[in-house]
Each structure stands twice: as structure tokens, then as C-alpha cells.
Amino acid sequence: MTPETTVQIVREAMALAVASAGPLIVTALVIGFTVSIFQATTQINEPTLSFAPKAIGVGSVFAILAPYITGNLVEFIQLSFERASQVLTTGGL
């Protein structure tokens, strides 16, 4: 396995991590920002107020994107096992 192949695999793994976690993080960020604006305007300083909307929002986005995330993860893992078997049988890619 060449260093270029290793870098390519790591790059694909990082892109998959960003594509999988990105929508969830952005959802939590937007909801947290919205709740903090609401808290600032109403002067309600309750730290637990943002937990429920974030949990509901992130849970909803995850439920919607679960098939997409799972499909991408399964595809990457299958590709990784295929590459590993090629390295073991031929000694390299």
C-alpha cells in the first residue's frame, strides 16, 4: 500500500465523517443560536431551556438522514474490507 493510497483512504474517511455529522452539528448550532436570541430578548436565563429543542431537532434530523448516513458508512466499510483483502492477497494495491 502506497502512501498516496493511505492518504486517499484517510481523506475519504474524513469526508464521510463531515458528511455524516455536519447536518447534525449545523442543526444543533442553528437551534442553539435561535434559543439564545430568544433568551436574550426575554431575559430568561435558564440553561436547560435549550436542551429540549436541540434534542428534538437533532433527533429529527438524524431520523430523516439515518438511511443516507448508514448507506454511506456501509459502502465505506465494504470498500475498506475490499482494499484490505487486496493488500493481504496481492501484497499491495
Protein backbone atom coordinates (compact mmCIF):
# COMPACT_ATOMS: atom_id res chain seq x y z
CA MET A 1 0.00 0.00 0.00
CA THR A 2 1.46 3.29 -1.07
CA PRO A 3 1.38 6.48 0.97
CA GLU A 4 -0.87 8.05 -1.67
CA THR A 5 -3.43 5.27 -1.20
CA THR A 6 -3.32 5.71 2.55
CA VAL A 7 -3.86 9.46 2.22
CA GLN A 8 -6.77 8.82 -0.15
CA ILE A 9 -8.42 6.44 2.32
CA VAL A 10 -7.99 8.90 5.19
CA ARG A 11 -9.37 11.72 3.02
CA GLU A 12 -12.43 9.61 2.18
CA ALA A 13 -12.94 8.79 5.87
CA MET A 14 -12.74 12.46 6.85
CA ALA A 15 -15.17 13.46 4.09
CA LEU A 16 -17.57 10.76 5.27
CA ALA A 17 -17.32 11.99 8.86
CA VAL A 18 -18.08 15.56 7.81
CA ALA A 19 -20.96 14.48 5.57
CA SER A 20 -22.42 12.34 8.35
CA ALA A 21 -22.01 14.69 11.32
CA GLY A 22 -22.27 18.03 9.52
CA PRO A 23 -26.07 18.27 9.26
CA LEU A 24 -26.47 17.27 12.91
CA ILE A 25 -23.95 19.84 14.11
CA VAL A 26 -25.44 22.59 11.95
CA THR A 27 -28.91 21.77 13.29
CA ALA A 28 -27.71 22.00 16.89
CA LEU A 29 -25.91 25.26 16.10
CA VAL A 30 -28.95 26.91 14.49
CA ILE A 31 -31.31 25.80 17.26
CA GLY A 32 -28.86 26.89 19.96
CA PHE A 33 -28.43 30.29 18.32
CA THR A 34 -32.19 30.73 17.99
CA VAL A 35 -32.81 29.80 21.62
CA SER A 36 -30.02 32.11 22.82
CA ILE A 37 -31.55 35.01 20.85
CA PHE A 38 -34.91 34.20 22.46
CA GLN A 39 -33.31 34.08 25.92
CA ALA A 40 -31.52 37.37 25.36
CA THR A 41 -34.66 39.17 24.24
CA THR A 42 -36.87 37.81 27.02
CA GLN A 43 -34.12 37.81 29.68
CA ILE A 44 -34.94 34.22 30.61
CA ASN A 45 -31.58 32.81 31.69
CA GLU A 46 -32.43 29.15 32.08
CA PRO A 47 -29.51 26.95 30.97
CA THR A 48 -31.69 23.88 30.46
CA LEU A 49 -34.08 25.69 28.11
CA SER A 50 -32.02 24.92 25.01
CA PHE A 51 -31.66 21.20 25.71
CA ALA A 52 -35.13 20.02 24.68
CA PRO A 53 -35.29 21.89 21.35
CA LYS A 54 -31.78 20.73 20.45
CA ALA A 55 -32.57 17.13 21.34
CA ILE A 56 -35.77 17.19 19.31
CA GLY A 57 -34.16 18.94 16.35
CA VAL A 58 -31.05 16.76 16.19
CA GLY A 59 -33.13 13.63 16.75
CA SER A 60 -35.47 14.60 13.91
CA VAL A 61 -32.63 15.36 11.51
CA PHE A 62 -30.92 12.11 12.44
CA ALA A 63 -34.15 10.14 11.89
CA ILE A 64 -34.52 11.70 8.46
CA LEU A 65 -30.86 11.23 7.45
CA ALA A 66 -30.28 7.83 9.07
CA PRO A 67 -30.70 5.82 5.84
CA TYR A 68 -28.28 8.13 3.99
CA ILE A 69 -25.68 8.04 6.78
CA THR A 70 -25.98 4.28 7.22
CA GLY A 71 -25.70 3.66 3.47
CA ASN A 72 -22.57 5.76 3.22
CA LEU A 73 -20.99 4.06 6.23
CA VAL A 74 -21.78 0.58 4.92
CA GLU A 75 -20.39 1.46 1.50
CA PHE A 76 -17.17 2.83 3.01
CA ILE A 77 -16.71 -0.21 5.27
CA GLN A 78 -17.27 -2.62 2.36
CA LEU A 79 -14.74 -0.70 0.28
CA SER A 80 -12.29 -0.79 3.18
CA PHE A 81 -12.63 -4.56 3.53
CA GLU A 82 -12.15 -4.99 -0.23
CA ARG A 83 -8.99 -2.91 -0.09
CA ALA A 84 -7.75 -4.84 2.93
CA SER A 85 -8.30 -8.16 1.15
CA GLN A 86 -6.41 -6.85 -1.88
CA VAL A 87 -3.49 -5.86 0.31
CA LEU A 88 -3.47 -9.26 2.02
CA THR A 89 -3.73 -11.34 -1.17
CA THR A 90 -1.52 -9.33 -3.54
CA GLY A 91 0.71 -7.51 -1.13
CA GLY A 92 -0.44 -4.09 -2.25
CA LEU A 93 -2.95 -2.14 -4.29
